[in-house]
PDB file of N, CA and C in Angstrom:
ATOM      1  N   UNK A   1      92.911  51.317  88.241  1.00  0.00           N
ATOM      2  CA  UNK A   1      91.752  52.164  87.586  1.00  0.00           C
ATOM      3  C   UNK A   1      91.200  53.088  88.170  1.00  0.00           C
ATOM      4  N   UNK A   2      90.685  53.978  87.120  1.00  0.00           N
ATOM      5  CA  UNK A   2      90.140  55.578  87.710  1.00  0.00           C
ATOM      6  C   UNK A   2      88.953  55.482  87.519  1.00  0.00           C
ATOM      7  N   UNK A   3      87.840  55.913  88.467  1.00  0.00           N
ATOM      8  CA  UNK A   3      86.705  56.206  88.515  1.00  0.00           C
ATOM      9  C   UNK A   3      86.344  57.762  88.947  1.00  0.00           C
ATOM     10  N   UNK A   4      85.622  58.427  87.883  1.00  0.00           N
ATOM     11  CA  UNK A   4      85.477  59.803  88.216  1.00  0.00           C
ATOM     12  C   UNK A   4      84.435  60.209  89.144  1.00  0.00           C
ATOM     13  N   UNK A   5      84.207  61.443  89.729  1.00  0.00           N
ATOM     14  CA  UNK A   5      83.710  61.698  90.622  1.00  0.00           C
ATOM     15  C   UNK A   5      82.299  62.856  89.739  1.00  0.00           C
ATOM     16  N   UNK A   6      81.099  62.690  90.892  1.00  0.00           N
ATOM     17  CA  UNK A   6      80.064  63.647  90.033  1.00  0.00           C
ATOM     18  C   UNK A   6      79.475  64.388  91.468  1.00  0.00           C
ATOM     19  N   UNK A   7      80.081  64.172  92.405  1.00  0.00           N
ATOM     20  CA  UNK A   7      79.478  64.930  93.792  1.00  0.00           C
ATOM     21  C   UNK A   7      78.991  64.076  94.541  1.00  0.00           C
ATOM     22  N   UNK A   8      78.415  64.567  95.991  1.00  0.00           N
ATOM     23  CA  UNK A   8      78.059  63.554  96.797  1.00  0.00           C
ATOM     24  C   UNK A   8      76.457  63.877  96.873  1.00  0.00           C
ATOM     25  N   UNK A   9      75.848  64.714  96.251  1.00  0.00           N
ATOM     26  CA  UNK A   9      74.491  64.864  96.261  1.00  0.00           C
ATOM     27  C   UNK A   9      73.710  64.596  95.047  1.00  0.00           C
ATOM     28  N   UNK A  10      74.567  63.837  94.294  1.00  0.00           N
ATOM     29  CA  UNK A  10      74.033  63.063  93.003  1.00  0.00           C
ATOM     30  C   UNK A  10      73.236  61.824  93.162  1.00  0.00           C
ATOM     31  N   UNK A  11      72.263  61.464  93.038  1.00  0.00           N
ATOM     32  CA  UNK A  11      71.897  59.884  92.996  1.00  0.00           C
ATOM     33  C   UNK A  11      71.647  59.342  91.735  1.00  0.00           C
ATOM     34  N   UNK A  12      71.890  57.990  91.767  1.00  0.00           N
ATOM     35  CA  UNK A  12      71.796  57.138  90.304  1.00  0.00           C
ATOM     36  C   UNK A  12      70.075  57.113  90.370  1.00  0.00           C
ATOM     37  N   UNK A  13      69.627  56.718  88.953  1.00  0.00           N
ATOM     38  CA  UNK A  13      68.330  56.649  88.886  1.00  0.00           C
ATOM     39  C   UNK A  13      68.164  55.391  88.138  1.00  0.00           C
ATOM     40  N   UNK A  14      68.200  53.834  88.558  1.00  0.00           N
ATOM     41  CA  UNK A  14      67.982  52.685  87.798  1.00  0.00           C
ATOM     42  C   UNK A  14      66.816  52.635  87.032  1.00  0.00           C
ATOM     43  N   UNK A  15      65.871  53.297  87.417  1.00  0.00           N
ATOM     44  CA  UNK A  15      64.846  52.962  86.641  1.00  0.00           C
ATOM     45  C   UNK A  15      64.683  53.829  85.109  1.00  0.00           C
ATOM     46  N   UNK A  16      65.488  54.537  85.097  1.00  0.00           N
ATOM     47  CA  UNK A  16      65.558  55.680  83.940  1.00  0.00           C
ATOM     48  C   UNK A  16      66.324  55.024  82.892  1.00  0.00           C
ATOM     49  N   UNK A  17      66.120  55.619  81.555  1.00  0.00           N
ATOM     50  CA  UNK A  17      66.772  54.799  80.435  1.00  0.00           C
ATOM     51  C   UNK A  17      68.175  55.420  80.531  1.00  0.00           C
ATOM     52  N   UNK A  18      69.322  54.448  79.601  1.00  0.00           N
ATOM     53  CA  UNK A  18      70.945  54.800  80.355  1.00  0.00           C
ATOM     54  C   UNK A  18      71.032  56.424  79.623  1.00  0.00           C
ATOM     55  N   UNK A  19      70.407  56.693  78.431  1.00  0.00           N
ATOM     56  CA  UNK A  19      70.913  58.105  77.949  1.00  0.00           C
ATOM     57  C   UNK A  19      70.088  59.417  78.942  1.00  0.00           C
ATOM     58  N   UNK A  20      69.301  58.846  79.868  1.00  0.00           N
ATOM     59  CA  UNK A  20      68.780  60.056  80.726  1.00  0.00           C
ATOM     60  C   UNK A  20      69.445  59.866  82.075  1.00  0.00           C
ATOM     61  N   UNK A  21      70.152  59.094  82.322  1.00  0.00           N
ATOM     62  CA  UNK A  21      71.083  58.928  83.411  1.00  0.00           C
ATOM     63  C   UNK A  21      72.310  59.781  83.418  1.00  0.00           C
ATOM     64  N   UNK A  22      72.842  60.225  84.744  1.00  0.00           N
ATOM     65  CA  UNK A  22      73.950  60.725  84.742  1.00  0.00           C
ATOM     66  C   UNK A  22      75.200  59.788  84.520  1.00  0.00           C
ATOM     67  N   UNK A  23      76.381  60.235  83.848  1.00  0.00           N
ATOM     68  CA  UNK A  23      77.392  59.560  83.933  1.00  0.00           C
ATOM     69  C   UNK A  23      78.639  59.599  84.877  1.00  0.00           C
ATOM     70  N   UNK A  24      79.099  57.970  84.729  1.00  0.00           N
ATOM     71  CA  UNK A  24      80.312  57.893  85.649  1.00  0.00           C
ATOM     72  C   UNK A  24      81.383  57.699  84.970  1.00  0.00           C
ATOM     73  N   UNK A  25      82.432  58.276  84.787  1.00  0.00           N
ATOM     74  CA  UNK A  25      83.481  58.070  83.732  1.00  0.00           C
ATOM     75  C   UNK A  25      84.576  57.220  84.478  1.00  0.00           C
ATOM     76  N   UNK A  26      85.191  56.187  83.260  1.00  0.00           N
ATOM     77  CA  UNK A  26      85.673  55.208  83.840  1.00  0.00           C
ATOM     78  C   UNK A  26      87.065  54.956  83.116  1.00  0.00           C
ATOM     79  N   UNK A  27      88.306  54.900  83.317  1.00  0.00           N
ATOM     80  CA  UNK A  27      89.749  54.483  82.724  1.00  0.00           C
ATOM     81  C   UNK A  27      90.286  53.654  83.307  1.00  0.00           C
ATOM     82  N   UNK A  28      90.771  52.586  82.820  1.00  0.00           N
ATOM     83  CA  UNK A  28      91.442  51.570  82.913  1.00  0.00           C
ATOM     84  C   UNK A  28      92.326  50.610  81.919  1.00  0.00           C
ATOM     85  N   UNK A  29      92.751  49.719  82.612  1.00  0.00           N
ATOM     86  CA  UNK A  29      93.648  48.847  81.472  1.00  0.00           C
ATOM     87  C   UNK A  29      93.585  47.437  81.597  1.00  0.00           C
ATOM     88  N   UNK A  30      92.592  47.310  82.438  1.00  0.00           N
ATOM     89  CA  UNK A  30      92.160  45.605  82.789  1.00  0.00           C
ATOM     90  C   UNK A  30      90.810  45.448  82.293  1.00  0.00           C
ATOM     91  N   UNK A  31      90.604  44.725  81.110  1.00  0.00           N
ATOM     92  CA  UNK A  31      89.264  44.986  80.351  1.00  0.00           C
ATOM     93  C   UNK A  31      88.031  44.012  81.514  1.00  0.00           C
ATOM     94  N   UNK A  32      88.450  43.101  82.193  1.00  0.00           N
ATOM     95  CA  UNK A  32      87.508  42.282  82.934  1.00  0.00           C
ATOM     96  C   UNK A  32      87.321  43.294  84.292  1.00  0.00           C
ATOM     97  N   UNK A  33      88.051  43.867  84.975  1.00  0.00           N
ATOM     98  CA  UNK A  33      87.903  45.072  85.681  1.00  0.00           C
ATOM     99  C   UNK A  33      86.769  46.015  85.334  1.00  0.00           C
ATOM    100  N   UNK A  34      87.497  46.350  84.261  1.00  0.00           N
ATOM    101  CA  UNK A  34      86.244  47.714  83.564  1.00  0.00           C
ATOM    102  C   UNK A  34      84.729  46.845  83.497  1.00  0.00           C
ATOM    103  N   UNK A  35      84.542  45.579  82.978  1.00  0.00           N
ATOM    104  CA  UNK A  35      83.243  45.228  82.864  1.00  0.00           C
ATOM    105  C   UNK A  35      82.422  45.118  83.936  1.00  0.00           C
ATOM    106  N   UNK A  36      82.907  44.411  85.124  1.00  0.00           N
ATOM    107  CA  UNK A  36      82.749  44.272  86.551  1.00  0.00           C
ATOM    108  C   UNK A  36      82.306  45.704  86.792  1.00  0.00           C
ATOM    109  N   UNK A  37      83.121  46.543  87.003  1.00  0.00           N
ATOM    110  CA  UNK A  37      82.915  48.186  87.408  1.00  0.00           C
ATOM    111  C   UNK A  37      81.844  48.760  86.480  1.00  0.00           C
ATOM    112  N   UNK A  38      81.786  48.293  85.461  1.00  0.00           N
ATOM    113  CA  UNK A  38      80.648  49.040  84.494  1.00  0.00           C
ATOM    114  C   UNK A  38      79.278  48.433  84.940  1.00  0.00           C
ATOM    115  N   UNK A  39      79.253  47.008  85.148  1.00  0.00           N
ATOM    116  CA  UNK A  39      77.890  46.754  85.691  1.00  0.00           C
ATOM    117  C   UNK A  39      77.644  47.142  87.137  1.00  0.00           C
ATOM    118  N   UNK A  40      78.334  47.560  88.001  1.00  0.00           N
ATOM    119  CA  UNK A  40      78.170  48.161  89.240  1.00  0.00           C
ATOM    120  C   UNK A  40      77.579  49.421  89.141  1.00  0.00           C
ATOM    121  N   UNK A  41      78.280  50.284  88.220  1.00  0.00           N
ATOM    122  CA  UNK A  41      77.901  51.578  87.829  1.00  0.00           C
ATOM    123  C   UNK A  41      76.253  51.702  87.337  1.00  0.00           C
ATOM    124  N   UNK A  42      76.233  50.798  86.421  1.00  0.00           N
ATOM    125  CA  UNK A  42      74.777  50.600  85.722  1.00  0.00           C
ATOM    126  C   UNK A  42      73.910  50.264  86.744  1.00  0.00           C
ATOM    127  N   UNK A  43      74.068  49.421  87.738  1.00  0.00           N
ATOM    128  CA  UNK A  43      73.392  48.796  88.636  1.00  0.00           C
ATOM    129  C   UNK A  43      72.726  49.823  89.828  1.00  0.00           C
ATOM    130  N   UNK A  44      73.565  50.594  90.269  1.00  0.00           N
ATOM    131  CA  UNK A  44      73.346  51.751  91.022  1.00  0.00           C
ATOM    132  C   UNK A  44      72.732  53.067  90.396  1.00  0.00           C
ATOM    133  N   UNK A  45      72.355  52.747  88.995  1.00  0.00           N
ATOM    134  CA  UNK A  45      71.525  53.767  88.536  1.00  0.00           C
ATOM    135  C   UNK A  45      71.922  55.001  87.471  1.00  0.00           C
ATOM    136  N   UNK A  46      73.899  54.685  87.426  1.00  0.00           N
ATOM    137  CA  UNK A  46      74.188  55.698  86.346  1.00  0.00           C
ATOM    138  C   UNK A  46      74.621  55.001  84.937  1.00  0.00           C
ATOM    139  N   UNK A  47      75.176  55.934  84.182  1.00  0.00           N
ATOM    140  CA  UNK A  47      75.575  55.326  82.957  1.00  0.00           C
ATOM    141  C   UNK A  47      77.236  55.314  82.851  1.00  0.00           C
ATOM    142  N   UNK A  48      77.837  54.381  82.234  1.00  0.00           N
ATOM    143  CA  UNK A  48      79.169  54.311  82.313  1.00  0.00           C
ATOM    144  C   UNK A  48      79.910  55.033  80.842  1.00  0.00           C
ATOM    145  N   UNK A  49      80.699  55.909  81.373  1.00  0.00           N
ATOM    146  CA  UNK A  49      81.459  56.542  79.895  1.00  0.00           C
ATOM    147  C   UNK A  49      82.904  56.244  79.979  1.00  0.00           C
ATOM    148  N   UNK A  50      83.592  55.560  79.227  1.00  0.00           N
ATOM    149  CA  UNK A  50      84.600  54.750  79.117  1.00  0.00           C
ATOM    150  C   UNK A  50      85.614  56.115  78.539  1.00  0.00           C
ATOM    151  N   UNK A  51      86.821  56.327  79.381  1.00  0.00           N
ATOM    152  CA  UNK A  51      87.327  57.352  78.959  1.00  0.00           C
ATOM    153  C   UNK A  51      88.849  56.578  78.131  1.00  0.00           C
ATOM    154  N   UNK A  52      88.798  55.082  78.344  1.00  0.00           N
ATOM    155  CA  UNK A  52      90.081  54.638  77.583  1.00  0.00           C
ATOM    156  C   UNK A  52      91.199  54.223  78.714  1.00  0.00           C
ATOM    157  N   UNK A  53      92.167  54.507  78.225  1.00  0.00           N
ATOM    158  CA  UNK A  53      93.345  53.390  79.051  1.00  0.00           C
ATOM    159  C   UNK A  53      93.365  54.382  80.252  1.00  0.00           C
ATOM    160  N   UNK A  54      94.321  53.871  81.093  1.00  0.00           N
ATOM    161  CA  UNK A  54      94.477  54.509  82.670  1.00  0.00           C
ATOM    162  C   UNK A  54      95.385  55.579  82.081  1.00  0.00           C
ATOM    163  N   UNK A  55      96.240  55.742  81.471  1.00  0.00           N
ATOM    164  CA  UNK A  55      97.259  56.937  81.232  1.00  0.00           C
ATOM    165  C   UNK A  55      96.293  57.828  80.363  1.00  0.00           C
ATOM    166  N   UNK A  56      95.557  57.993  79.127  1.00  0.00           N
ATOM    167  CA  UNK A  56      94.757  58.820  78.473  1.00  0.00           C
ATOM    168  C   UNK A  56      93.535  58.912  79.015  1.00  0.00           C
ATOM    169  N   UNK A  57      92.940  58.217  79.414  1.00  0.00           N
ATOM    170  CA  UNK A  57      91.482  57.937  79.974  1.00  0.00           C
ATOM    171  C   UNK A  57      91.562  58.925  81.493  1.00  0.00           C
ATOM    172  N   UNK A  58      92.533  58.508  82.209  1.00  0.00           N
ATOM    173  CA  UNK A  58      92.714  58.940  83.348  1.00  0.00           C
ATOM    174  C   UNK A  58      93.145  60.569  83.334  1.00  0.00           C
ATOM    175  N   UNK A  59      93.956  60.841  82.467  1.00  0.00           N
ATOM    176  CA  UNK A  59      94.183  62.480  82.127  1.00  0.00           C
ATOM    177  C   UNK A  59      93.055  63.095  81.866  1.00  0.00           C
ATOM    178  N   UNK A  60      91.774  62.561  80.889  1.00  0.00           N
ATOM    179  CA  UNK A  60      90.785  63.343  80.671  1.00  0.00           C
ATOM    180  C   UNK A  60      89.949  63.414  82.096  1.00  0.00           C
ATOM    181  N   UNK A  61      90.163  62.924  82.913  1.00  0.00           N
ATOM    182  CA  UNK A  61      89.253  62.979  84.314  1.00  0.00           C
ATOM    183  C   UNK A  61      89.918  63.667  85.174  1.00  0.00           C
ATOM    184  N   UNK A  62      91.214  64.401  85.011  1.00  0.00           N
ATOM    185  CA  UNK A  62      91.713  65.126  86.118  1.00  0.00           C
ATOM    186  C   UNK A  62      91.129  66.519  86.564  1.00  0.00           C
ATOM    187  N   UNK A  63      91.282  67.043  87.619  1.00  0.00           N
ATOM    188  CA  UNK A  63      90.766  68.405  88.158  1.00  0.00           C
ATOM    189  C   UNK A  63      91.283  69.537  86.959  1.00  0.00           C
ATOM    190  N   UNK A  64      90.338  70.184  86.750  1.00  0.00           N
ATOM    191  CA  UNK A  64      90.344  71.150  85.885  1.00  0.00           C
ATOM    192  C   UNK A  64      90.032  70.756  84.586  1.00  0.00           C
ATOM    193  N   UNK A  65      89.737  69.370  84.285  1.00  0.00           N
ATOM    194  CA  UNK A  65      89.414  68.997  82.986  1.00  0.00           C
ATOM    195  C   UNK A  65      87.824  69.224  82.682  1.00  0.00           C
ATOM    196  N   UNK A  66      87.444  69.568  81.726  1.00  0.00           N
ATOM    197  CA  UNK A  66      86.255  69.935  81.256  1.00  0.00           C
ATOM    198  C   UNK A  66      85.259  69.066  81.661  1.00  0.00           C
ATOM    199  N   UNK A  67      85.528  67.372  82.095  1.00  0.00           N
ATOM    200  CA  UNK A  67      84.415  66.589  82.465  1.00  0.00           C
ATOM    201  C   UNK A  67      84.790  66.124  84.161  1.00  0.00           C
ATOM    202  N   UNK A  68      85.600  67.022  84.871  1.00  0.00           N
ATOM    203  CA  UNK A  68      85.707  66.630  86.329  1.00  0.00           C
ATOM    204  C   UNK A  68      84.749  66.976  87.003  1.00  0.00           C
ATOM    205  N   UNK A  69      84.202  66.468  88.049  1.00  0.00           N
ATOM    206  CA  UNK A  69      83.193  66.528  88.865  1.00  0.00           C
ATOM    207  C   UNK A  69      82.130  67.255  88.170  1.00  0.00           C
ATOM    208  N   UNK A  70      81.758  67.117  86.914  1.00  0.00           N
ATOM    209  CA  UNK A  70      80.531  67.982  86.568  1.00  0.00           C
ATOM    210  C   UNK A  70      79.423  66.837  86.380  1.00  0.00           C
ATOM    211  N   UNK A  71      78.196  67.065  86.454  1.00  0.00           N
ATOM    212  CA  UNK A  71      77.132  65.929  85.988  1.00  0.00           C
ATOM    213  C   UNK A  71      76.952  66.429  84.868  1.00  0.00           C
ATOM    214  N   UNK A  72      76.540  65.001  83.850  1.00  0.00           N
ATOM    215  CA  UNK A  72      76.320  65.128  82.524  1.00  0.00           C
ATOM    216  C   UNK A  72      75.578  63.781  82.180  1.00  0.00           C
ATOM    217  N   UNK A  73      74.962  63.945  81.147  1.00  0.00           N
ATOM    218  CA  UNK A  73      74.269  62.684  80.431  1.00  0.00           C
ATOM    219  C   UNK A  73      75.279  62.270  79.659  1.00  0.00           C
ATOM    220  N   UNK A  74      75.349  61.340  78.845  1.00  0.00           N
ATOM    221  CA  UNK A  74      76.138  60.613  78.134  1.00  0.00           C
ATOM    222  C   UNK A  74      76.604  61.408  76.836  1.00  0.00           C
ATOM    223  N   UNK A  75      75.511  61.636  76.566  1.00  0.00           N
ATOM    224  CA  UNK A  75      75.416  62.882  75.063  1.00  0.00           C
ATOM    225  C   UNK A  75      76.226  63.646  75.424  1.00  0.00           C
ATOM    226  N   UNK A  76      76.198  64.803  76.414  1.00  0.00           N
ATOM    227  CA  UNK A  76      77.152  65.625  76.754  1.00  0.00           C
ATOM    228  C   UNK A  76      78.292  65.054  77.021  1.00  0.00           C
ATOM    229  N   UNK A  77      78.833  64.497  77.593  1.00  0.00           N
ATOM    230  CA  UNK A  77      79.917  63.734  77.774  1.00  0.00           C
ATOM    231  C   UNK A  77      80.614  63.524  76.501  1.00  0.00           C
ATOM    232  N   UNK A  78      79.888  62.830  75.550  1.00  0.00           N
ATOM    233  CA  UNK A  78      80.398  62.401  74.070  1.00  0.00           C
ATOM    234  C   UNK A  78      80.837  63.825  73.663  1.00  0.00           C
ATOM    235  N   UNK A  79      80.000  64.760  73.681  1.00  0.00           N
ATOM    236  CA  UNK A  79      80.258  66.161  73.228  1.00  0.00           C
ATOM    237  C   UNK A  79      81.557  66.652  73.496  1.00  0.00           C
ATOM    238  N   UNK A  80      81.963  66.916  75.032  1.00  0.00           N
ATOM    239  CA  UNK A  80      83.081  67.214  75.504  1.00  0.00           C
ATOM    240  C   UNK A  80      83.970  66.575  75.238  1.00  0.00           C
ATOM    241  N   UNK A  81      84.216  65.062  75.335  1.00  0.00           N
ATOM    242  CA  UNK A  81      85.325  64.362  74.911  1.00  0.00           C
ATOM    243  C   UNK A  81      85.406  64.585  73.525  1.00  0.00           C
ATOM    244  N   UNK A  82      84.966  64.257  72.638  1.00  0.00           N
ATOM    245  CA  UNK A  82      85.157  64.782  71.052  1.00  0.00           C
ATOM    246  C   UNK A  82      85.646  66.233  71.228  1.00  0.00           C
ATOM    247  N   UNK A  83      85.530  67.083  71.575  1.00  0.00           N
ATOM    248  CA  UNK A  83      85.442  68.306  71.441  1.00  0.00           C
ATOM    249  C   UNK A  83      87.223  68.276  71.950  1.00  0.00           C
ATOM    250  N   UNK A  84      87.539  67.764  73.034  1.00  0.00           N
ATOM    251  CA  UNK A  84      88.693  67.702  73.584  1.00  0.00           C
ATOM    252  C   UNK A  84      89.910  66.996  72.723  1.00  0.00           C
ATOM    253  N   UNK A  85      89.244  65.922  72.246  1.00  0.00           N
ATOM    254  CA  UNK A  85      89.981  65.399  71.329  1.00  0.00           C
ATOM    255  C   UNK A  85      90.465  66.238  70.017  1.00  0.00           C
ATOM    256  N   UNK A  86      89.398  66.626  69.454  1.00  0.00           N
ATOM    257  CA  UNK A  86      89.928  67.770  68.300  1.00  0.00           C
ATOM    258  C   UNK A  86      90.717  68.894  68.652  1.00  0.00           C
ATOM    259  N   UNK A  87      90.612  69.383  70.061  1.00  0.00           N
ATOM    260  CA  UNK A  87      91.603  70.392  70.383  1.00  0.00           C
ATOM    261  C   UNK A  87      92.992  70.080  70.529  1.00  0.00           C
ATOM    262  N   UNK A  88      92.845  68.690  71.095  1.00  0.00           N
ATOM    263  CA  UNK A  88      94.389  68.321  71.673  1.00  0.00           C
ATOM    264  C   UNK A  88      95.018  67.605  70.014  1.00  0.00           C
ATOM    265  N   UNK A  89      94.499  67.190  69.103  1.00  0.00           N
ATOM    266  CA  UNK A  89      94.960  66.496  67.916  1.00  0.00           C
ATOM    267  C   UNK A  89      95.653  67.576  67.074  1.00  0.00           C
TER     268      UNK A  89
END
């Protein structure tokens, strides 16, 4: 499993609606582990953004990628990931 980074100065906002929270990216091949990790991410005040399998989703989170260590909302993340998919197809 791979969990993305957002920087040490960022704090979760448990009381905020999910769409207003910052995302934490997650990639993995074990559905149960992803569900449990998602629960923990939500509990600490972030929104999960699943980038897919460990192979493909993990690649999307590598240093130098558009989403690496960049704070963003789920809407911003969707736009960047969709744009990346359009470029690589």
